[in-house]
Amino acid sequence: MDSLMVEAESEEAQFEKHVYSLVDATPVATLREFDPDDLTTQNLINDLGINMVRPHVIAARYGLSAAQLLEFLKIPEVRRRIKVRKAIWESDDNQPERIRRMYGQLTLESAGVAHKMIADPLTPAALRVKMLEVSGRFGGADNRTGGANNADAVTGPMFSVQFVFSGTGKTESINVIQQTPTIDGEPIP
C-alpha cells in the first residue's frame, strides 16, 4: 500500500512539475512594444529597480530569456523608469519599506523550514503555537492600530524587529507602520 502511495505522489509531483514548466516557459511580456500601464511591465521594472534578486531570476520569473531581457532594456523609457524606481528604493525616506521587504524576503526563504517544524508532531505544542503566531504576523494577518482614544494614531500593518546584543545584553527595537511609497500620487507596487 505504501509503495502505491509513493508511486501516486511521484506521478502527481511529475505532473505538477510538467504543468509549471510549461507555464514558466511562456513569456508574460511582449517586448516589441512598451506599455507603461501594463501591470506586468510595471512589476518587471519594479523587480529590476529594487534588485532583491538577480536579473536572471527576474527574467525567468517573467518567462524571458537573458537576451529578451537585454532587448527590453534597450528601450530608454524602461531604463529611466528602472533608475527612478532604484532611486526611490534606495532613498532615506524609503528605509522602512526596505527593511520590511528585506525581512519579508528572509521570512519567505525560511518559510519551508518553519512549515516543517510547525507540521512536525515532535515539535513542542507551545513552540508550534508561537511559530504560527510569528508566521501570521509576518504574513500580514496581524494588523496593529492606534488606540480607540487616539484619533491621530497612524494605522496599518506593523513590522517590528528586536535586536539583542549578547555582549552587553542591550536591546534595540525597530517598529515601522507600513506605508506605501508613491510617484506623483500613484502607489508603487
Protein backbone atom coordinates (compact mmCIF):
# COMPACT_ATOMS: atom_id res chain seq x y z
CA MET A 1 0.00 0.00 0.00
CA ASP A 2 2.79 2.44 0.89
CA SER A 3 4.54 1.79 -2.43
CA LEU A 4 1.32 2.67 -4.27
CA MET A 5 1.10 5.95 -2.30
CA VAL A 6 4.71 6.80 -3.15
CA GLU A 7 4.12 5.98 -6.82
CA ALA A 8 0.93 8.10 -6.90
CA GLU A 9 2.68 11.01 -5.20
CA SER A 10 5.53 10.67 -7.65
CA GLU A 11 3.14 10.82 -10.63
CA GLU A 12 1.40 13.85 -9.11
CA ALA A 13 4.73 15.55 -8.49
CA GLN A 14 5.83 14.85 -12.05
CA PHE A 15 2.55 16.19 -13.43
CA GLU A 16 2.85 19.34 -11.29
CA LYS A 17 6.43 19.85 -12.45
CA HIS A 18 5.34 19.46 -16.09
CA VAL A 19 2.44 21.91 -15.71
CA TYR A 20 4.62 24.59 -14.13
CA SER A 21 7.48 24.07 -16.59
CA LEU A 22 5.02 24.85 -19.40
CA VAL A 23 3.75 27.91 -17.55
CA ASP A 24 7.25 29.12 -16.65
CA ALA A 25 8.45 28.79 -20.26
CA THR A 26 5.75 31.18 -21.50
CA PRO A 27 6.80 34.85 -21.71
CA VAL A 28 4.38 37.20 -19.99
CA ALA A 29 5.76 40.38 -21.51
CA THR A 30 5.66 41.46 -25.13
CA LEU A 31 8.97 43.17 -25.65
CA ARG A 32 8.43 44.78 -29.04
CA GLU A 33 6.09 47.33 -27.52
CA PHE A 34 6.38 49.19 -24.25
CA ASP A 35 3.11 49.74 -22.42
CA PRO A 36 3.78 51.77 -19.26
CA ASP A 37 0.27 50.97 -17.97
CA ASP A 38 0.72 47.19 -18.23
CA LEU A 39 0.93 45.74 -14.71
CA THR A 40 3.40 43.05 -15.77
CA THR A 41 5.72 45.68 -17.24
CA GLN A 42 5.43 47.77 -14.07
CA ASN A 43 6.26 44.78 -11.89
CA LEU A 44 9.22 43.78 -14.08
CA ILE A 45 10.59 47.33 -13.81
CA ASN A 46 9.97 47.31 -10.06
CA ASP A 47 11.79 43.99 -9.60
CA LEU A 48 14.78 45.25 -11.59
CA GLY A 49 14.78 48.57 -9.71
CA ILE A 50 14.80 47.14 -6.21
CA ASN A 51 17.34 44.45 -7.16
CA MET A 52 16.43 41.99 -4.39
CA VAL A 53 17.09 39.02 -6.66
CA ARG A 54 19.47 38.57 -9.56
CA PRO A 55 18.41 39.65 -13.07
CA HIS A 56 18.45 36.09 -14.49
CA VAL A 57 15.99 35.05 -11.76
CA ILE A 58 13.79 38.06 -12.56
CA ALA A 59 13.91 37.23 -16.28
CA ALA A 60 12.91 33.63 -15.61
CA ARG A 61 10.09 34.82 -13.33
CA TYR A 62 8.58 36.65 -16.32
CA GLY A 63 9.33 33.85 -18.78
CA LEU A 64 12.09 35.82 -20.51
CA SER A 65 15.50 34.70 -21.68
CA ALA A 66 18.56 36.80 -20.86
CA ALA A 67 18.61 38.03 -24.48
CA GLN A 68 14.94 39.06 -24.28
CA LEU A 69 15.54 40.96 -21.06
CA LEU A 70 18.51 42.77 -22.61
CA GLU A 71 16.34 43.64 -25.61
CA PHE A 72 13.71 45.06 -23.23
CA LEU A 73 16.40 47.16 -21.54
CA LYS A 74 17.26 48.81 -24.87
CA ILE A 75 14.09 50.91 -24.51
CA PRO A 76 15.17 54.26 -22.98
CA GLU A 77 11.91 54.76 -21.06
CA VAL A 78 12.32 51.33 -19.44
CA ARG A 79 15.83 52.19 -18.25
CA ARG A 80 14.65 55.58 -16.98
CA ARG A 81 11.81 54.01 -15.00
CA ILE A 82 14.14 51.38 -13.51
CA LYS A 83 16.55 54.14 -12.48
CA VAL A 84 13.73 56.15 -10.86
CA ARG A 85 12.47 53.05 -9.00
CA LYS A 86 16.03 52.30 -7.85
CA ALA A 87 16.47 55.87 -6.55
CA ILE A 88 13.17 55.69 -4.65
CA TRP A 89 14.06 52.25 -3.28
CA GLU A 90 17.44 53.45 -2.00
CA SER A 91 16.18 56.79 -0.62
CA ASP A 92 16.32 57.52 3.10
CA ASP A 93 12.55 58.06 3.16
CA ASN A 94 12.05 54.50 1.91
CA GLN A 95 14.10 52.87 4.68
CA PRO A 96 11.04 51.39 6.47
CA GLU A 97 9.87 49.78 3.22
CA ARG A 98 13.36 48.39 2.50
CA ILE A 99 13.57 46.90 5.99
CA ARG A 100 10.10 45.37 5.68
CA ARG A 101 10.80 43.89 2.24
CA MET A 102 14.24 42.54 3.15
CA TYR A 103 12.98 40.85 6.29
CA GLY A 104 9.98 39.66 4.31
CA GLN A 105 12.36 38.02 1.83
CA LEU A 106 14.23 36.33 4.68
CA THR A 107 10.94 35.15 6.13
CA LEU A 108 9.85 33.80 2.75
CA GLU A 109 13.12 31.91 2.34
CA SER A 110 12.77 30.36 5.81
CA ALA A 111 9.07 29.53 5.42
CA GLY A 112 9.76 25.94 4.28
CA VAL A 113 11.78 25.17 7.40
CA ALA A 114 9.19 26.81 9.64
CA HIS A 115 6.39 24.86 7.96
CA LYS A 116 8.19 21.55 8.57
CA MET A 117 8.68 22.42 12.24
CA ILE A 118 5.05 23.51 12.66
CA ALA A 119 3.79 20.33 10.99
CA ASP A 120 6.16 18.06 12.94
CA PRO A 121 4.24 16.41 15.81
CA LEU A 122 7.52 16.16 17.75
CA THR A 123 7.80 19.97 17.93
CA PRO A 124 6.50 21.06 21.36
CA ALA A 125 3.00 22.50 21.16
CA ALA A 126 3.97 25.84 22.74
CA LEU A 127 6.71 26.33 20.11
CA ARG A 128 4.33 25.40 17.30
CA VAL A 129 1.77 27.95 18.51
CA LYS A 130 4.44 30.66 18.79
CA MET A 131 5.72 29.85 15.29
CA LEU A 132 2.18 30.08 13.90
CA GLU A 133 1.73 33.45 15.62
CA VAL A 134 5.00 34.80 14.20
CA SER A 135 4.24 33.37 10.75
CA GLY A 136 0.84 35.06 10.80
CA ARG A 137 2.36 38.37 11.84
CA PHE A 138 4.98 38.22 9.06
CA GLY A 139 2.26 37.19 6.63
CA GLY A 140 0.27 40.34 7.43
CA ALA A 141 -2.50 38.63 9.37
CA ASP A 142 -1.77 40.76 12.45
CA ASN A 143 -2.67 44.43 11.92
CA ARG A 144 -1.82 46.99 14.57
CA THR A 145 -3.97 50.07 15.00
CA GLY A 146 -3.93 53.10 17.25
CA GLY A 147 -5.88 53.08 20.49
CA ALA A 148 -9.56 54.00 20.49
CA ASN A 149 -8.85 57.28 22.27
CA ASN A 150 -6.04 58.31 19.92
CA ALA A 151 -7.69 59.75 16.79
CA ASP A 152 -4.34 60.89 15.36
CA ALA A 153 -2.69 57.45 15.57
CA VAL A 154 -1.07 56.10 12.41
CA THR A 155 -2.65 52.80 11.49
CA GLY A 156 -1.64 49.92 9.28
CA PRO A 157 0.34 46.70 9.39
CA MET A 158 3.16 46.87 11.93
CA PHE A 159 6.63 45.50 11.24
CA SER A 160 8.77 45.06 14.35
CA VAL A 161 12.31 43.75 14.84
CA GLN A 162 14.17 43.47 18.13
CA PHE A 163 17.96 43.10 18.30
CA VAL A 164 19.55 41.67 21.46
CA PHE A 165 23.29 42.27 21.78
CA SER A 166 24.77 39.27 23.58
CA GLY A 167 27.90 41.02 24.87
CA THR A 168 26.06 43.85 26.63
CA GLY A 169 22.54 42.48 26.99
CA LYS A 170 21.29 45.72 25.41
CA THR A 171 18.19 45.52 23.21
CA GLU A 172 17.19 47.75 20.32
CA SER A 173 13.77 47.69 18.69
CA ILE A 174 12.62 48.92 15.29
CA ASN A 175 8.87 49.37 14.83
CA VAL A 176 7.56 50.53 11.48
CA ILE A 177 4.00 51.16 10.27
CA GLN A 178 3.77 50.04 6.64
CA GLN A 179 3.49 52.98 4.29
CA THR A 180 3.39 52.65 0.53
CA PRO A 181 5.75 54.99 -1.37
CA THR A 182 4.23 56.88 -4.30
CA ILE A 183 5.29 58.60 -7.51
CA ASP A 184 3.06 61.50 -8.49
CA GLY A 185 0.44 60.24 -6.05
CA GLU A 186 0.36 56.72 -7.56
CA PRO A 187 1.40 53.85 -5.23
CA ILE A 188 4.47 51.88 -6.27
CA PRO A 189 3.83 48.13 -6.25
